Every structure is written in C-alpha cells, then in structure tokens.
Protein backbone atom coordinates (compact mmCIF):
# COMPACT_ATOMS: atom_id res chain seq x y z
CA MET A 1 93.70 66.94 98.16
CA LYS A 2 91.69 65.67 101.15
CA LEU A 3 90.37 67.70 104.06
CA ARG A 4 89.74 65.96 107.34
CA ARG A 5 88.16 67.54 110.40
CA THR A 6 90.00 67.13 113.69
CA GLY A 7 87.04 67.89 115.94
CA GLY A 8 85.93 70.93 117.88
CA ALA A 9 82.71 72.87 118.03
CA SER A 10 81.22 74.20 114.83
CA THR A 11 80.21 77.82 114.65
CA GLY A 12 77.69 79.47 112.40
CA ARG A 13 78.74 81.65 109.51
CA SER A 14 80.07 84.89 110.91
CA HIS A 15 83.63 86.16 110.69
CA ARG A 16 86.39 83.55 110.75
CA ALA A 17 90.04 83.52 109.77
CA PHE A 18 92.21 80.54 108.87
CA VAL A 19 95.99 80.42 108.85
CA VAL A 20 96.93 78.04 106.04
CA ALA A 21 99.96 76.61 107.81
CA HIS A 22 102.77 74.32 106.68
CA TRP A 23 105.98 73.22 108.34
CA GLU A 24 108.29 73.50 105.35
CA PRO A 25 108.16 74.90 101.81
CA LYS A 26 106.53 73.12 98.87
CA GLU A 27 103.68 71.56 100.83
CA GLY A 28 101.16 73.22 98.49
CA ALA A 29 99.71 75.60 101.09
CA THR A 30 99.52 78.64 98.81
CA THR A 31 97.66 76.80 96.07
CA LEU A 32 95.31 75.35 98.67
CA ALA A 33 94.56 78.74 100.23
CA LEU A 34 93.61 80.18 96.86
CA ALA A 35 91.59 77.10 95.86
CA LEU A 36 89.60 77.10 99.10
CA ALA A 37 88.82 80.80 98.80
CA LEU A 38 87.75 80.47 95.16
CA ARG A 39 85.52 77.48 95.82
CA ALA A 40 83.91 79.04 98.89
CA ALA A 41 83.22 82.26 96.97
CA GLU A 42 81.56 80.28 94.17
CA LEU A 43 79.42 78.23 96.56
CA ASP A 44 78.06 81.22 98.50
CA PRO A 45 77.95 84.54 96.60
CA SER A 46 76.49 86.26 99.68
CA CYS A 47 79.63 85.48 101.68
CA THR A 48 82.65 87.82 101.49
CA LEU A 49 86.12 86.30 101.39
CA CYS A 50 89.73 87.40 101.27
CA VAL A 51 92.94 85.47 100.73
CA ALA A 52 95.93 87.37 102.13
CA ASP A 53 99.63 86.93 101.34
CA PHE A 54 101.75 87.22 104.49
CA ASP A 55 104.76 85.46 102.97
CA PHE A 56 106.69 88.63 102.25
CA ALA A 57 110.00 86.93 101.38
CA HIS A 58 108.43 84.48 98.90
CA PRO A 59 105.04 85.92 97.87
CA SER A 60 103.81 82.95 95.84
CA LEU A 61 100.15 83.92 96.21
CA SER A 62 100.85 87.38 94.82
CA SER A 63 102.72 85.83 91.89
CA LEU A 64 99.93 83.34 91.17
CA THR A 65 97.38 86.14 91.02
CA GLY A 66 99.59 88.55 89.04
CA LEU A 67 99.79 91.02 91.93
CA ASP A 68 103.46 90.63 92.87
CA ALA A 69 104.30 94.19 91.78
CA MET A 70 101.36 95.77 93.62
CA THR A 71 101.24 97.63 96.92
CA GLY A 72 100.19 95.20 99.62
CA LEU A 73 100.12 94.09 103.24
CA SER A 74 103.79 94.85 103.91
CA ASN A 75 103.06 98.45 102.90
CA VAL A 76 100.14 98.54 105.33
CA LEU A 77 102.40 97.25 108.12
CA ALA A 78 104.97 99.93 107.22
CA ASP A 79 102.30 102.68 107.36
CA GLN A 80 102.72 103.34 103.63
CA ALA A 81 99.15 102.42 102.69
CA GLY A 82 95.75 101.65 104.17
CA LEU A 83 94.02 98.29 103.92
CA ASP A 84 91.39 99.62 101.50
CA GLN A 85 94.17 100.69 99.12
CA VAL A 86 95.74 97.24 98.80
CA LEU A 87 92.71 94.96 98.43
CA ALA A 88 92.45 93.69 94.85
CA GLY A 89 89.16 92.55 93.38
CA THR A 90 88.71 89.36 91.36
CA PRO A 91 86.21 88.21 88.71
CA LEU A 92 84.12 86.99 91.66
CA PRO A 93 82.60 90.09 93.31
CA ASN A 94 82.73 88.56 96.80
CA LEU A 95 86.39 87.50 96.68
CA TYR A 96 89.40 89.76 97.26
CA VAL A 97 93.15 89.22 97.31
CA ALA A 98 95.50 91.10 99.62
CA PRO A 99 98.98 90.86 98.01
CA ALA A 100 102.23 90.85 99.96
CA GLY A 101 103.39 94.23 98.66
CA ASN A 102 106.88 95.70 98.65
CA GLY A 103 107.15 97.58 101.93
CA SER A 104 110.24 97.55 104.13
CA ILE A 105 109.26 96.13 107.52
CA ASP A 106 110.95 96.59 110.88
CA ARG A 107 110.38 93.24 112.58
CA GLN A 108 111.11 94.29 116.13
CA THR A 109 109.25 91.81 118.34
CA GLY A 110 106.72 94.08 120.08
CA PRO A 111 105.66 96.46 117.28
CA TRP A 112 105.77 93.68 114.66
CA HIS A 113 103.41 91.39 116.54
CA ASP A 114 101.09 94.25 117.46
CA ARG A 115 100.85 95.45 113.85
CA CYS A 116 100.31 91.94 112.46
CA ARG A 117 97.65 91.24 115.05
CA ASP A 118 95.85 94.49 114.29
CA LEU A 119 95.96 93.78 110.55
CA CYS A 120 94.61 90.24 111.01
CA GLY A 121 91.84 91.70 113.15
CA GLN A 122 90.94 94.25 110.47
CA LEU A 123 90.71 91.54 107.82
CA THR A 124 88.59 89.30 110.02
CA LYS A 125 86.13 92.08 110.81
CA ARG A 126 85.83 93.11 107.18
CA PHE A 127 85.25 89.68 105.61
CA ASN A 128 83.20 86.63 106.53
CA TYR A 129 86.14 84.34 105.82
CA VAL A 130 89.84 85.11 105.54
CA PHE A 131 92.56 82.70 104.44
CA LEU A 132 96.02 83.81 105.62
CA ASP A 133 98.85 82.43 103.50
CA MET A 134 101.88 82.32 105.81
CA PRO A 135 105.52 81.30 105.34
CA ALA A 136 106.74 77.93 106.63
CA LEU A 137 106.37 77.45 110.39
CA ARG A 138 109.80 75.82 110.60
CA ASP A 139 111.62 79.07 109.86
CA HIS A 140 109.05 81.84 110.36
CA ARG A 141 106.62 80.96 113.14
CA ASP A 142 106.59 84.62 114.24
CA PHE A 143 104.40 85.47 111.24
CA ALA A 144 101.63 83.14 112.39
CA LEU A 145 102.05 84.36 115.97
CA GLY A 146 100.28 87.59 115.03
CA ALA A 147 97.12 85.61 114.29
CA GLY A 148 97.22 83.66 117.56
CA GLY A 149 93.82 83.70 119.26
CA LEU A 150 92.21 85.35 116.23
CA ALA A 151 92.38 82.55 113.66
CA GLU A 152 92.18 78.80 113.32
CA ALA A 153 94.80 76.73 111.54
CA LEU A 154 94.56 74.50 108.50
CA LEU A 155 97.74 72.42 108.55
CA VAL A 156 98.84 71.35 105.07
CA VAL A 157 101.07 68.28 104.75
CA ARG A 158 102.23 66.79 101.47
CA ALA A 159 101.83 63.06 101.03
CA GLY A 160 105.19 61.29 100.87
CA GLN A 161 107.08 64.34 102.14
CA ALA A 162 105.98 65.09 105.71
CA ARG A 163 107.12 62.68 108.43
CA ARG A 164 104.97 61.89 111.45
CA GLN A 165 107.44 63.53 113.83
CA VAL A 166 107.44 66.70 111.75
CA ILE A 167 103.64 66.84 111.70
CA ALA A 168 103.59 66.42 115.48
CA LYS A 169 106.10 69.27 115.84
CA ALA A 170 103.98 71.49 113.58
CA ILE A 171 100.87 70.80 115.65
CA GLN A 172 102.79 71.53 118.86
CA THR A 173 104.00 74.83 117.39
CA LEU A 174 100.44 75.82 116.48
CA GLU A 175 99.35 75.11 120.04
CA LEU A 176 102.18 77.22 121.45
CA ILE A 177 101.15 80.24 119.38
CA ARG A 178 97.47 79.75 120.28
CA LEU A 179 96.22 78.67 116.87
CA GLN A 180 93.49 76.06 117.22
CA LEU A 181 93.84 73.27 114.68
CA ALA A 182 90.66 73.20 112.59
CA ALA A 183 91.76 70.57 110.07
CA VAL A 184 94.71 68.74 108.59
CA VAL A 185 94.97 68.67 104.80
CA LEU A 186 96.71 65.77 103.07
CA ASN A 187 97.89 67.28 99.82
CA GLY A 188 99.19 65.52 96.72
CA ARG A 189 97.97 62.04 97.68
CA GLU A 190 98.45 59.54 94.87
CA TYR A 191 98.02 56.23 96.68
CA TYR A 192 94.76 54.56 97.71
CA LEU A 193 93.49 55.40 101.19
CA PRO A 194 90.80 53.02 102.54
CA ARG A 195 87.55 54.74 103.41
CA TRP A 196 87.53 53.24 106.91
CA LEU A 197 90.93 54.82 107.62
CA TYR A 198 90.04 58.20 106.11
CA THR A 199 86.71 58.51 107.97
CA ARG A 200 87.71 57.16 111.37
CA THR A 201 88.00 59.61 114.27
C-alpha cells in the first residue's frame, strides 16, 4: 500500500474527516480505513480518532471489528439511538469505531442528506480525525454527498484492477460532490515502481 499526496495546503492538527473513497467494490478501502486509524492512534495517543462504517448494505468494517450485530450509525440516522450510544471503544483508548448498525433508513433526498451531513459534522467535532468508510462511488455516490464540504477524500485504487478512465471518473465525481482529493492510495501493488516515478509531482 502506497500513499501519495496530490498537493494542497497542509493544516495543523485540529478536527479533520476523510472519506475513504473507492469507485467499485474490492479495492481494499475498508481495510485501509481501519489500518490508517489504528496506525494514527498508535503514533499519537493524545489524538482522538474514529473510523465510521457508512456502508449500510455491506458493512465490512463492522464485520472486521466484530460489531456487525451492534446498534450503529443507521440507528442514529433513524432516530433510534444517539451517537454516544453507538460508539464502540477499542484496546486503544483514543480510537473508537462507529458500526453501521441495523436501522431502517428512509433515503428521501432532502432528509437523508441533511441527516448524513449532521452526523458527519458531529463526528468531526467530537474527534480529531475521522475516517468515513463509504460504499462504492459507482453505485452509491449519495452516501459520500453528505460529507461534501466537511471532509477530504482518500481515493483508493487497486493495482491491476482500476483503469485510468475509471480513476478519472472517480476524481470527477469527488469534485462534483465537493470532496477535495487529499491523496490517492495505490493498494495491492506487487510490481516494482521506480522511485523517480513514485516521487514526482
């Protein structure tokens, strides 16, 4: 897994959210979101982090963490629980997981986007860093739309799977929903990449 910056101004540590985006399934975005949160929590114990599962149809993050049967974010969106009730602690005291939950959600355009946006805002205010695990942009871009203007995007592409045209379409989609691209992650690389090519801007 390699992370490459795409440019843009750097901000000091405050409160930031990242949508871990991917165009299609099986790019490795869920595993990456959890790995980034774990590593960041280990590196800075004074920093609070949360990784949140917004992929309600296929809650891989919740399954990975053993929280797939727990009340979660879908229940918060359905007014069945508060955010404090669904946050699950981890062995690292500064890292929390917000599982997908099992709530029934009415995805009418206006209320859905408003509720998602409010929930993303609550998470961002509460934690220093939030990683939002979203479903694939190709089929469910409306999920990421709720974080537009509030979060930055980490676009995950799997080596040997994603085509250049598809990556360009994913970046265009992120721009349309007002998610600034913070970095592109090349996941699952097995071939040699020359340093001059990896580091060039």
